Amino acid sequence: MYVSEWENGKRSISDRYAAILRQILGVTDAELRGGLVVAAPPATDGYDDLLSRIDSASSVGASMVKTFSDQTELLRTMDRQMGASGLIDQMTGHLAALEDALNFAVLPGVRRPVALALAGASTLAAWQAIDAGAVERAWRHYELAKRAARDAEDPMYLAHAMGEQAYVLCEAGRPLLGLDLVRDAQRTLGRGGSPRLWAWMYAAEAELCAHAGLQDECRRALDSAMANTPPGSEDRDPDMPSIFLNGSHLARWRGNILGLLGDSDAVTSLYGALDVVDPTFVRAQAGLHTDLAQAHLARAEYDDANTHLRQARLLANRTGSVRQRRRIDLLSARL
C-alpha cells in the first residue's frame, strides 16, 4: 500500500523509509525522491560564512587528506566484499566532504592533494554507480573525477578516469566511441604512467575492441597488456590505488575478452584464474563465473554454463550488482 501511494504521489517518503530504500535500491536521496534537494537560502551577507569555509579548507593538512584517503580505501574494501548498493549514503557524504574541501581551498599546495583524493574517490563512486545500474550518476562522477585530476595536474588519475568512463559508453551500446576514449586516455598518459596502469589501459582497450568486433586489434592490445604486467603476485599499484592487476587478475580479464571473441582458449584461462582468485573480491568472483558461463555457451556446453550461472547469480545477489544480474539474465536466456 505504501509503495502504491509513494508511486502515485499520495504519500511522501518519510526519512525512515528513505534511508531503507536508498540502501536497497542503491540510489541517492535526490534520485529516490525524484527531484533536487533544495538548500537553505543563504544569509544576506555571506562573506563571514565564505571566509570561515575558506579558513577551514586552508587548514586541511596531510593528516586530513590521509583520513579522506583511508575512508575511500575502507569504502573500496566494503564495496568489493559486499557490493555498492548499501554504501550509497556513505559514498555520497564522502564525496560531498571532499568536494566541499576542494571548492574552498585557495592555494595550489592545499588544492592538489585534496583534488587527488577526490579524483580517486569519484572513480570508485562512479564504478559503484555502474554496478548499481545508475549510469547517469556514474557519468557525472567520472566528469567530477576528471576535473579533480586536472586540478591536481595528475595525468595518471585523469587517464584512469577516462578509461573507466569508456565502459559507460560501451554498455550504452557505443563501444567504438568508448574505444576512442580509451585511446585518448593513453595519449593523455604520453610517456608517463606506471607499467601496471599501462597494462590496465591496454586490457581495457582489448575489451572495447572485442565488443566492437575488432579481433586483430583486440589481440594486439591484449599482448601489450600481458607484456606490461609486472611479474609476481603483488596486485596493487603504489602510484594508482584504484588499480588491482597482476598475472592472475589479467588471466581472468583475458578469459573474459577471449570469451567475447568466442575463442576456445577462454575456458582454460578462466579456470586458471578461478583457482587463484582472491575470495574477498566477491563481485570479481561473480564476474568470473559469468565469464565461464559465457565461454561454455560459446562451446555449446550447456550443463557447465548452467552450473556457473547459478553460482554467479548467488554471488551477484550477495553484492546486489544490477550490472552482473543483467548480464546473467541475458546469458540465462540463451540456455
Protein backbone atom coordinates (compact mmCIF):
# COMPACT_ATOMS: atom_id res chain seq x y z
CA MET A 1 0.00 0.00 0.00
CA TYR A 2 2.81 2.40 0.89
CA VAL A 3 4.65 1.66 -2.36
CA SER A 4 1.49 2.33 -4.36
CA GLU A 5 0.89 5.62 -2.55
CA TRP A 6 4.54 6.69 -2.98
CA GLU A 7 4.41 5.96 -6.70
CA ASN A 8 1.11 7.82 -7.17
CA GLY A 9 2.17 10.83 -5.13
CA LYS A 10 -0.45 10.28 -2.43
CA ARG A 11 2.13 9.87 0.33
CA SER A 12 5.62 11.34 0.69
CA ILE A 13 8.52 9.06 1.61
CA SER A 14 9.49 9.58 5.23
CA ASP A 15 13.15 9.88 6.21
CA ARG A 16 12.93 6.49 7.94
CA TYR A 17 11.79 4.68 4.80
CA ALA A 18 14.07 6.78 2.59
CA ALA A 19 17.13 5.51 4.48
CA ILE A 20 15.99 1.91 3.93
CA LEU A 21 15.09 2.37 0.27
CA ARG A 22 18.36 4.13 -0.60
CA GLN A 23 20.32 1.08 0.55
CA ILE A 24 18.03 -1.41 -1.17
CA LEU A 25 17.93 0.46 -4.49
CA GLY A 26 21.42 1.96 -4.44
CA VAL A 27 20.21 5.49 -5.19
CA THR A 28 20.84 8.94 -3.78
CA ASP A 29 18.21 10.82 -1.82
CA ALA A 30 17.57 13.16 -4.77
CA GLU A 31 17.12 10.21 -7.15
CA LEU A 32 14.78 8.46 -4.71
CA ARG A 33 12.54 11.45 -4.18
CA GLY A 34 12.55 12.39 -7.86
CA GLY A 35 13.85 15.91 -7.52
CA LEU A 36 16.68 18.11 -6.40
CA VAL A 37 17.48 18.66 -2.75
CA VAL A 38 16.87 22.35 -2.12
CA ALA A 39 19.48 24.06 0.02
CA ALA A 40 18.55 26.59 2.66
CA PRO A 41 18.65 30.19 1.39
CA PRO A 42 21.95 31.94 2.09
CA ALA A 43 22.25 34.75 4.58
CA THR A 44 22.08 38.29 3.18
CA ASP A 45 25.73 38.95 3.90
CA GLY A 46 27.59 35.72 3.24
CA TYR A 47 31.17 36.97 3.49
CA ASP A 48 31.68 35.78 7.04
CA ASP A 49 30.46 32.31 6.15
CA LEU A 50 32.61 32.27 2.99
CA LEU A 51 35.76 33.28 4.85
CA SER A 52 35.01 30.71 7.54
CA ARG A 53 34.83 27.96 4.95
CA ILE A 54 37.99 29.19 3.19
CA ASP A 55 39.84 29.22 6.54
CA SER A 56 38.54 25.73 7.27
CA ALA A 57 39.68 24.45 3.87
CA SER A 58 43.12 26.05 4.23
CA SER A 59 43.65 24.11 7.46
CA VAL A 60 43.30 20.77 5.63
CA GLY A 61 46.72 19.25 6.02
CA ALA A 62 48.40 15.96 5.15
CA SER A 63 46.74 14.15 8.06
CA MET A 64 43.27 15.20 6.92
CA VAL A 65 43.98 14.16 3.32
CA LYS A 66 45.18 10.81 4.64
CA THR A 67 41.93 10.49 6.59
CA PHE A 68 39.97 11.14 3.39
CA SER A 69 42.07 8.55 1.52
CA ASP A 70 41.66 5.99 4.31
CA GLN A 71 37.90 6.48 4.13
CA THR A 72 38.00 5.86 0.37
CA GLU A 73 40.03 2.71 0.99
CA LEU A 74 37.53 1.45 3.56
CA LEU A 75 34.65 2.05 1.15
CA ARG A 76 36.59 0.28 -1.61
CA THR A 77 37.13 -2.77 0.62
CA MET A 78 33.47 -2.86 1.67
CA ASP A 79 32.42 -2.47 -1.96
CA ARG A 80 34.37 -5.42 -3.28
CA GLN A 81 33.20 -7.69 -0.46
CA MET A 82 29.57 -6.63 -0.02
CA GLY A 83 28.69 -4.61 -3.14
CA ALA A 84 27.82 -0.98 -3.74
CA SER A 85 24.09 -0.79 -3.05
CA GLY A 86 24.43 -0.48 0.74
CA LEU A 87 27.13 2.20 0.55
CA ILE A 88 25.23 4.94 -1.26
CA ASP A 89 24.78 7.21 1.77
CA GLN A 90 28.38 6.84 2.94
CA MET A 91 29.75 7.43 -0.56
CA THR A 92 27.54 10.47 -1.16
CA GLY A 93 28.62 12.06 2.12
CA HIS A 94 32.29 11.25 1.48
CA LEU A 95 32.27 12.87 -1.96
CA ALA A 96 30.40 15.92 -0.64
CA ALA A 97 33.02 16.45 2.08
CA LEU A 98 35.90 16.14 -0.38
CA GLU A 99 34.28 18.38 -2.98
CA ASP A 100 33.49 20.98 -0.32
CA ALA A 101 37.11 20.96 0.88
CA LEU A 102 38.33 21.44 -2.71
CA ASN A 103 35.80 24.16 -3.59
CA PHE A 104 37.01 26.39 -0.75
CA ALA A 105 40.73 25.62 -0.94
CA VAL A 106 42.54 28.61 -2.45
CA LEU A 107 46.24 27.87 -2.90
CA PRO A 108 47.64 25.08 -5.12
CA GLY A 109 49.57 23.47 -2.27
CA VAL A 110 46.28 22.78 -0.49
CA ARG A 111 44.16 22.10 -3.59
CA ARG A 112 46.31 19.45 -5.27
CA PRO A 113 46.31 16.73 -2.58
CA VAL A 114 42.59 17.24 -1.93
CA ALA A 115 41.88 17.11 -5.68
CA LEU A 116 43.85 13.89 -5.97
CA ALA A 117 41.85 12.33 -3.12
CA LEU A 118 38.62 13.48 -4.77
CA ALA A 119 39.66 12.01 -8.13
CA GLY A 120 40.26 8.60 -6.55
CA ALA A 121 37.03 8.66 -4.57
CA SER A 122 34.99 9.80 -7.58
CA THR A 123 36.15 6.97 -9.83
CA LEU A 124 35.23 4.50 -7.08
CA ALA A 125 31.80 6.13 -6.71
CA ALA A 126 31.34 6.04 -10.49
CA TRP A 127 32.14 2.33 -10.73
CA GLN A 128 29.74 1.66 -7.87
CA ALA A 129 27.05 3.60 -9.75
CA ILE A 130 27.67 1.48 -12.88
CA ASP A 131 27.30 -1.63 -10.75
CA ALA A 132 24.02 -0.31 -9.35
CA GLY A 133 22.71 0.49 -12.84
CA ALA A 134 22.75 4.28 -12.25
CA VAL A 135 24.57 5.19 -15.47
CA GLU A 136 23.88 8.94 -15.44
CA ARG A 137 25.22 9.22 -11.90
CA ALA A 138 28.27 7.21 -12.99
CA TRP A 139 28.89 9.58 -15.90
CA ARG A 140 28.68 12.63 -13.63
CA HIS A 141 31.08 11.08 -11.12
CA TYR A 142 33.60 10.40 -13.90
CA GLU A 143 33.33 14.01 -15.05
CA LEU A 144 33.99 15.08 -11.46
CA ALA A 145 36.98 12.72 -11.29
CA LYS A 146 38.43 14.17 -14.49
CA ARG A 147 38.03 17.75 -13.27
CA ALA A 148 39.69 16.85 -9.98
CA ALA A 149 42.57 15.07 -11.75
CA ARG A 150 43.14 18.11 -13.95
CA ASP A 151 43.10 20.32 -10.86
CA ALA A 152 45.68 18.01 -9.29
CA GLU A 153 47.70 18.09 -12.53
CA ASP A 154 47.96 14.30 -12.45
CA PRO A 155 47.73 12.58 -15.87
CA MET A 156 47.58 9.09 -14.34
CA TYR A 157 44.36 9.78 -12.44
CA LEU A 158 42.92 11.60 -15.46
CA ALA A 159 43.73 8.74 -17.83
CA HIS A 160 42.29 6.16 -15.44
CA ALA A 161 39.02 8.10 -15.09
CA MET A 162 38.78 8.39 -18.88
CA GLY A 163 39.49 4.68 -19.31
CA GLU A 164 36.78 3.65 -16.86
CA GLN A 165 34.31 6.17 -18.30
CA ALA A 166 34.64 4.36 -21.63
CA TYR A 167 32.76 1.43 -20.07
CA VAL A 168 29.68 3.61 -19.65
CA LEU A 169 29.74 4.25 -23.40
CA CYS A 170 30.30 0.57 -24.14
CA GLU A 171 27.40 -0.57 -22.01
CA ALA A 172 25.23 2.11 -23.62
CA GLY A 173 25.89 0.43 -26.98
CA ARG A 174 28.71 2.69 -28.23
CA PRO A 175 31.86 0.52 -27.97
CA LEU A 176 33.67 2.36 -30.79
CA LEU A 177 33.20 5.70 -29.04
CA GLY A 178 34.38 4.08 -25.81
CA LEU A 179 37.43 2.72 -27.65
CA ASP A 180 38.27 6.21 -28.91
CA LEU A 181 38.07 7.48 -25.32
CA VAL A 182 40.41 4.73 -24.05
CA ARG A 183 42.94 5.54 -26.75
CA ASP A 184 42.66 9.24 -25.95
CA ALA A 185 43.37 8.33 -22.32
CA GLN A 186 46.52 6.55 -23.47
CA ARG A 187 47.61 9.68 -25.34
CA THR A 188 46.95 11.66 -22.16
CA LEU A 189 49.50 9.49 -20.36
CA GLY A 190 52.08 10.11 -23.06
CA ARG A 191 55.37 8.65 -21.89
CA GLY A 192 54.36 8.68 -18.22
CA GLY A 193 52.34 6.28 -16.13
CA SER A 194 53.28 3.12 -14.28
CA PRO A 195 53.64 -0.24 -16.09
CA ARG A 196 50.64 -1.61 -14.17
CA LEU A 197 48.46 1.30 -15.30
CA TRP A 198 49.60 0.79 -18.89
CA ALA A 199 48.74 -2.91 -18.63
CA TRP A 200 45.28 -1.91 -17.36
CA MET A 201 44.89 0.57 -20.24
CA TYR A 202 45.83 -2.00 -22.87
CA ALA A 203 43.49 -4.60 -21.34
CA ALA A 204 40.64 -2.05 -21.35
CA GLU A 205 41.44 -1.28 -25.00
CA ALA A 206 41.38 -5.00 -25.80
CA GLU A 207 37.97 -5.43 -24.14
CA LEU A 208 36.50 -2.46 -26.02
CA CYS A 209 37.95 -3.84 -29.29
CA ALA A 210 36.29 -7.20 -28.56
CA HIS A 211 32.92 -5.52 -28.02
CA ALA A 212 33.43 -3.59 -31.28
CA GLY A 213 34.30 -6.79 -33.19
CA LEU A 214 37.91 -5.73 -33.94
CA GLN A 215 39.59 -9.09 -33.36
CA ASP A 216 43.11 -8.33 -34.64
CA GLU A 217 43.33 -5.03 -32.75
CA CYS A 218 41.95 -6.76 -29.67
CA ARG A 219 44.67 -9.42 -29.71
CA ARG A 220 47.43 -6.84 -30.23
CA ALA A 221 46.19 -4.80 -27.27
CA LEU A 222 45.92 -7.96 -25.15
CA ASP A 223 49.53 -8.86 -25.98
CA SER A 224 50.60 -5.36 -24.90
CA ALA A 225 48.70 -5.75 -21.63
CA MET A 226 50.47 -9.01 -20.88
CA ALA A 227 53.86 -7.51 -21.79
CA ASN A 228 53.35 -4.57 -19.39
CA THR A 229 52.01 -6.53 -16.41
CA PRO A 230 54.72 -6.62 -13.70
CA PRO A 231 55.78 -10.11 -12.55
CA GLY A 232 54.91 -11.50 -9.13
CA SER A 233 51.79 -11.75 -7.03
CA GLU A 234 51.62 -8.09 -5.97
CA ASP A 235 48.48 -6.58 -7.50
CA ARG A 236 48.28 -3.05 -6.09
CA ASP A 237 49.79 -0.14 -7.98
CA PRO A 238 51.56 2.09 -5.44
CA ASP A 239 51.03 5.11 -7.71
CA MET A 240 47.38 4.31 -8.56
CA PRO A 241 45.46 2.82 -5.61
CA SER A 242 42.45 2.16 -7.85
CA ILE A 243 44.40 -0.38 -9.94
CA PHE A 244 44.47 -4.03 -8.87
CA LEU A 245 46.29 -6.03 -11.54
CA ASN A 246 48.73 -8.92 -11.64
CA GLY A 247 49.10 -12.05 -13.76
CA SER A 248 46.14 -13.75 -12.09
CA HIS A 249 43.84 -10.76 -12.50
CA LEU A 250 44.90 -10.42 -16.12
CA ALA A 251 44.24 -14.13 -16.73
CA ARG A 252 40.61 -13.58 -15.67
CA TRP A 253 40.36 -10.44 -17.78
CA ARG A 254 41.98 -12.21 -20.74
CA GLY A 255 39.49 -15.06 -20.39
CA ASN A 256 36.60 -12.59 -20.43
CA ILE A 257 37.95 -10.92 -23.57
CA LEU A 258 38.62 -14.22 -25.35
CA GLY A 259 35.12 -15.32 -24.41
CA LEU A 260 33.75 -12.21 -26.12
CA LEU A 261 35.68 -13.25 -29.23
CA GLY A 262 34.37 -16.82 -28.99
CA ASP A 263 37.92 -18.15 -28.59
CA SER A 264 38.18 -21.69 -27.23
CA ASP A 265 41.20 -20.71 -25.08
CA ALA A 266 38.89 -18.63 -22.89
CA VAL A 267 37.83 -21.61 -20.74
CA THR A 268 41.42 -22.61 -19.92
CA SER A 269 42.37 -19.06 -18.97
CA LEU A 270 39.27 -18.57 -16.82
CA TYR A 271 39.64 -21.82 -14.87
CA GLY A 272 43.24 -20.87 -14.16
CA ALA A 273 42.01 -17.56 -12.75
CA LEU A 274 39.29 -19.29 -10.72
CA ASP A 275 41.93 -21.33 -8.89
CA VAL A 276 43.76 -18.25 -7.60
CA VAL A 277 41.04 -15.57 -7.28
CA ASP A 278 41.11 -13.61 -4.02
CA PRO A 279 37.99 -14.71 -2.05
CA THR A 280 37.47 -11.13 -0.79
CA PHE A 281 36.76 -9.98 -4.36
CA VAL A 282 33.18 -11.24 -4.30
CA ARG A 283 31.96 -9.21 -7.28
CA ALA A 284 35.01 -10.31 -9.28
CA GLN A 285 34.14 -13.93 -8.49
CA ALA A 286 30.61 -13.34 -9.78
CA GLY A 287 32.08 -11.90 -12.96
CA LEU A 288 34.45 -14.84 -13.31
CA HIS A 289 31.64 -17.41 -13.08
CA THR A 290 29.62 -15.34 -15.56
CA ASP A 291 32.61 -15.30 -17.94
CA LEU A 292 32.92 -19.08 -17.63
CA ALA A 293 29.22 -19.50 -18.39
CA GLN A 294 29.64 -17.35 -21.49
CA ALA A 295 32.69 -19.33 -22.61
CA HIS A 296 30.89 -22.67 -22.11
CA LEU A 297 27.87 -21.37 -24.03
CA ALA A 298 30.14 -20.50 -26.96
CA ARG A 299 31.20 -24.17 -26.97
CA ALA A 300 27.57 -25.41 -26.58
CA GLU A 301 28.44 -26.91 -23.16
CA TYR A 302 25.10 -26.04 -21.62
CA ASP A 303 25.30 -28.03 -18.37
CA ASP A 304 28.61 -26.41 -17.43
CA ALA A 305 27.26 -23.00 -18.40
CA ASN A 306 24.19 -23.50 -16.21
CA THR A 307 26.34 -24.54 -13.22
CA HIS A 308 28.42 -21.36 -13.42
CA LEU A 309 25.38 -19.15 -13.97
CA ARG A 310 23.80 -20.45 -10.78
CA GLN A 311 26.97 -19.69 -8.82
CA ALA A 312 27.28 -16.29 -10.47
CA ARG A 313 23.71 -15.40 -9.54
CA LEU A 314 24.28 -16.33 -5.89
CA LEU A 315 27.34 -14.08 -5.70
CA ALA A 316 25.69 -11.23 -7.65
CA ASN A 317 22.74 -11.35 -5.26
CA ARG A 318 25.15 -11.07 -2.32
CA THR A 319 26.60 -7.83 -3.70
CA GLY A 320 23.33 -6.52 -5.16
CA SER A 321 25.03 -5.96 -8.52
CA VAL A 322 22.45 -4.82 -11.08
CA ARG A 323 25.11 -4.92 -13.79
CA GLN A 324 26.06 -8.52 -13.08
CA ARG A 325 22.46 -9.68 -12.76
CA ARG A 326 21.57 -8.10 -16.10
CA ARG A 327 24.39 -9.97 -17.78
CA ILE A 328 23.44 -13.24 -16.05
CA ASP A 329 19.84 -12.84 -17.22
CA LEU A 330 20.97 -12.32 -20.82
CA LEU A 331 23.12 -15.46 -20.73
CA SER A 332 20.38 -17.48 -18.99
CA ALA A 333 18.04 -16.66 -21.86
CA ARG A 334 20.45 -18.46 -24.22
CA LEU A 335 20.25 -21.76 -22.33
